[in-house]
Amino acid sequence: MLRRKGFTLVEIMIVVAIIGLLAAIAIPNFVKARTTAEKQACIANLKQIQGAVQIWALDTGALETATPTTGQLAPDYIKVWPKCGGTAYVVPAVDAEPVCPKKPTEHYLVAPAA
């Protein structure tokens, strides 16, 4: 009797089912981790912008209502002007909080008043 070596269809189907189950568990976790990382990066960018504006105001003696331009901040106070999802941030006034251009209701430094 000849005996063939290889996997049966049932064995292959079990392996495919296990891989599918693992993918169904892992993919949502990767998506959640990516969303969390994007939010944390945006919040870090907001902190950098706020710090750059505050230092600019101290160095120049600007009023609280003054708003610098990106040209005044970019080379000296912040190395490269950050973006959130490809959209550049708007420079806030000295007394204002920077806001995320992409998801202002989700990415913020201080929780908005309810």
C-alpha atoms as a PDB file:
ATOM      1  CA  MET A   1       0.000   0.000   0.000  1.00  0.00           C
ATOM      2  CA  LEU A   2       1.220   3.461  -0.894  1.00  0.00           C
ATOM      3  CA  ARG A   3       0.993   6.085   1.739  1.00  0.00           C
ATOM      4  CA  ARG A   4       0.999   9.750   0.723  1.00  0.00           C
ATOM      5  CA  LYS A   5       2.582  12.333   2.941  1.00  0.00           C
ATOM      6  CA  GLY A   6       0.858  15.676   3.487  1.00  0.00           C
ATOM      7  CA  PHE A   7      -1.966  17.366   5.323  1.00  0.00           C
ATOM      8  CA  THR A   8      -5.588  16.439   5.082  1.00  0.00           C
ATOM      9  CA  LEU A   9      -8.265  18.979   4.234  1.00  0.00           C
ATOM     10  CA  VAL A  10      -9.582  18.880   7.810  1.00  0.00           C
ATOM     11  CA  GLU A  11      -6.159  19.714   9.255  1.00  0.00           C
ATOM     12  CA  ILE A  12      -5.731  22.657   6.888  1.00  0.00           C
ATOM     13  CA  MET A  13      -9.236  23.945   7.717  1.00  0.00           C
ATOM     14  CA  ILE A  14      -8.452  23.783  11.471  1.00  0.00           C
ATOM     15  CA  VAL A  15      -5.244  25.789  10.987  1.00  0.00           C
ATOM     16  CA  VAL A  16      -7.075  28.400   8.883  1.00  0.00           C
ATOM     17  CA  ALA A  17      -9.824  28.648  11.521  1.00  0.00           C
ATOM     18  CA  ILE A  18      -7.264  29.183  14.298  1.00  0.00           C
ATOM     19  CA  ILE A  19      -5.483  31.892  12.282  1.00  0.00           C
ATOM     20  CA  GLY A  20      -8.823  33.582  11.577  1.00  0.00           C
ATOM     21  CA  LEU A  21      -9.719  33.497  15.280  1.00  0.00           C
ATOM     22  CA  LEU A  22      -6.385  35.020  16.259  1.00  0.00           C
ATOM     23  CA  ALA A  23      -6.789  37.740  13.620  1.00  0.00           C
ATOM     24  CA  ALA A  24     -10.308  38.520  14.872  1.00  0.00           C
ATOM     25  CA  ILE A  25      -8.887  39.058  18.356  1.00  0.00           C
ATOM     26  CA  ALA A  26      -5.720  40.957  17.351  1.00  0.00           C
ATOM     27  CA  ILE A  27      -6.968  43.427  14.708  1.00  0.00           C
ATOM     28  CA  PRO A  28      -9.344  45.405  16.985  1.00  0.00           C
ATOM     29  CA  ASN A  29      -6.555  45.699  19.573  1.00  0.00           C
ATOM     30  CA  PHE A  30      -4.180  47.090  16.932  1.00  0.00           C
ATOM     31  CA  VAL A  31      -6.782  49.630  15.823  1.00  0.00           C
ATOM     32  CA  LYS A  32      -7.370  50.728  19.414  1.00  0.00           C
ATOM     33  CA  ALA A  33      -3.625  51.024  20.062  1.00  0.00           C
ATOM     34  CA  ARG A  34      -3.195  53.130  16.921  1.00  0.00           C
ATOM     35  CA  THR A  35      -6.043  55.456  17.912  1.00  0.00           C
ATOM     36  CA  THR A  36      -4.610  55.868  21.410  1.00  0.00           C
ATOM     37  CA  ALA A  37      -1.129  56.570  20.034  1.00  0.00           C
ATOM     38  CA  GLU A  38      -2.522  59.184  17.623  1.00  0.00           C
ATOM     39  CA  LYS A  39      -4.363  60.909  20.477  1.00  0.00           C
ATOM     40  CA  GLN A  40      -1.284  60.940  22.728  1.00  0.00           C
ATOM     41  CA  ALA A  41       0.890  62.309  19.898  1.00  0.00           C
ATOM     42  CA  CYS A  42      -1.643  65.075  19.263  1.00  0.00           C
ATOM     43  CA  ILE A  43      -1.760  66.010  22.947  1.00  0.00           C
ATOM     44  CA  ALA A  44       2.060  66.118  23.004  1.00  0.00           C
ATOM     45  CA  ASN A  45       1.978  68.432  19.963  1.00  0.00           C
ATOM     46  CA  LEU A  46      -0.548  70.686  21.702  1.00  0.00           C
ATOM     47  CA  LYS A  47       1.756  70.907  24.740  1.00  0.00           C
ATOM     48  CA  GLN A  48       4.708  71.812  22.519  1.00  0.00           C
ATOM     49  CA  ILE A  49       2.709  74.526  20.753  1.00  0.00           C
ATOM     50  CA  GLN A  50       1.470  75.960  24.031  1.00  0.00           C
ATOM     51  CA  GLY A  51       4.981  75.987  25.463  1.00  0.00           C
ATOM     52  CA  ALA A  52       6.429  77.647  22.343  1.00  0.00           C
ATOM     53  CA  VAL A  53       3.762  80.379  22.418  1.00  0.00           C
ATOM     54  CA  GLN A  54       4.329  81.024  26.114  1.00  0.00           C
ATOM     55  CA  ILE A  55       8.118  81.269  25.731  1.00  0.00           C
ATOM     56  CA  TRP A  56       7.691  83.529  22.681  1.00  0.00           C
ATOM     57  CA  ALA A  57       5.434  85.812  24.749  1.00  0.00           C
ATOM     58  CA  LEU A  58       7.996  85.970  27.569  1.00  0.00           C
ATOM     59  CA  ASP A  59      10.883  86.673  25.210  1.00  0.00           C
ATOM     60  CA  THR A  60       9.076  89.365  23.219  1.00  0.00           C
ATOM     61  CA  GLY A  61       7.010  90.883  26.034  1.00  0.00           C
ATOM     62  CA  ALA A  62       3.829  90.298  24.049  1.00  0.00           C
ATOM     63  CA  LEU A  63       0.382  90.949  25.499  1.00  0.00           C
ATOM     64  CA  GLU A  64      -1.895  88.088  26.553  1.00  0.00           C
ATOM     65  CA  THR A  65      -4.116  88.663  23.527  1.00  0.00           C
ATOM     66  CA  ALA A  66      -1.219  88.620  21.037  1.00  0.00           C
ATOM     67  CA  THR A  67      -1.045  85.808  18.508  1.00  0.00           C
ATOM     68  CA  PRO A  68       2.319  84.879  16.979  1.00  0.00           C
ATOM     69  CA  THR A  69       2.708  83.512  13.467  1.00  0.00           C
ATOM     70  CA  THR A  70       4.191  80.140  12.633  1.00  0.00           C
ATOM     71  CA  GLY A  71       7.168  82.002  11.152  1.00  0.00           C
ATOM     72  CA  GLN A  72       7.861  83.621  14.510  1.00  0.00           C
ATOM     73  CA  LEU A  73       7.682  80.290  16.336  1.00  0.00           C
ATOM     74  CA  ALA A  74       8.946  77.630  13.939  1.00  0.00           C
ATOM     75  CA  PRO A  75      12.705  78.089  13.732  1.00  0.00           C
ATOM     76  CA  ASP A  76      13.443  79.349  17.241  1.00  0.00           C
ATOM     77  CA  TYR A  77      10.775  78.091  19.641  1.00  0.00           C
ATOM     78  CA  ILE A  78       9.571  74.906  17.960  1.00  0.00           C
ATOM     79  CA  LYS A  79      11.783  73.016  15.518  1.00  0.00           C
ATOM     80  CA  VAL A  80       9.142  71.895  12.999  1.00  0.00           C
ATOM     81  CA  TRP A  81       5.520  72.974  13.001  1.00  0.00           C
ATOM     82  CA  PRO A  82       3.515  69.830  13.905  1.00  0.00           C
ATOM     83  CA  LYS A  83       0.498  68.368  12.128  1.00  0.00           C
ATOM     84  CA  CYS A  84      -2.344  66.138  13.256  1.00  0.00           C
ATOM     85  CA  GLY A  85      -3.304  63.671  10.563  1.00  0.00           C
ATOM     86  CA  GLY A  86      -1.779  65.844   7.852  1.00  0.00           C
ATOM     87  CA  THR A  87      -3.542  69.030   8.980  1.00  0.00           C
ATOM     88  CA  ALA A  88      -1.423  71.804  10.474  1.00  0.00           C
ATOM     89  CA  TYR A  89      -2.327  73.292  13.844  1.00  0.00           C
ATOM     90  CA  VAL A  90      -3.540  76.879  14.122  1.00  0.00           C
ATOM     91  CA  VAL A  91      -1.395  79.151  16.280  1.00  0.00           C
ATOM     92  CA  PRO A  92      -3.350  80.162  19.389  1.00  0.00           C
ATOM     93  CA  ALA A  93      -3.211  83.482  21.199  1.00  0.00           C
ATOM     94  CA  VAL A  94      -0.988  83.662  24.265  1.00  0.00           C
ATOM     95  CA  ASP A  95      -3.952  83.330  26.652  1.00  0.00           C
ATOM     96  CA  ALA A  96      -5.754  80.627  24.606  1.00  0.00           C
ATOM     97  CA  GLU A  97      -5.433  76.855  24.499  1.00  0.00           C
ATOM     98  CA  PRO A  98      -4.217  75.260  21.258  1.00  0.00           C
ATOM     99  CA  VAL A  99      -6.847  73.152  19.503  1.00  0.00           C
ATOM    100  CA  CYS A 100      -6.518  70.031  17.378  1.00  0.00           C
ATOM    101  CA  PRO A 101      -7.557  70.810  13.791  1.00  0.00           C
ATOM    102  CA  LYS A 102      -8.685  67.264  13.101  1.00  0.00           C
ATOM    103  CA  LYS A 103     -10.521  66.083  16.240  1.00  0.00           C
ATOM    104  CA  PRO A 104     -11.025  69.012  18.619  1.00  0.00           C
ATOM    105  CA  THR A 105     -13.606  67.135  20.695  1.00  0.00           C
ATOM    106  CA  GLU A 106     -11.272  64.182  21.278  1.00  0.00           C
ATOM    107  CA  HIS A 107      -7.757  65.673  21.364  1.00  0.00           C
ATOM    108  CA  TYR A 108      -7.403  68.453  23.929  1.00  0.00           C
ATOM    109  CA  LEU A 109      -5.155  69.608  26.743  1.00  0.00           C
ATOM    110  CA  VAL A 110      -7.874  70.692  29.144  1.00  0.00           C
ATOM    111  CA  ALA A 111     -11.266  68.973  29.124  1.00  0.00           C
ATOM    112  CA  PRO A 112     -13.901  71.291  27.622  1.00  0.00           C
ATOM    113  CA  ALA A 113     -16.508  72.640  30.009  1.00  0.00           C
ATOM    114  CA  ALA A 114     -19.740  70.675  29.855  1.00  0.00           C
END
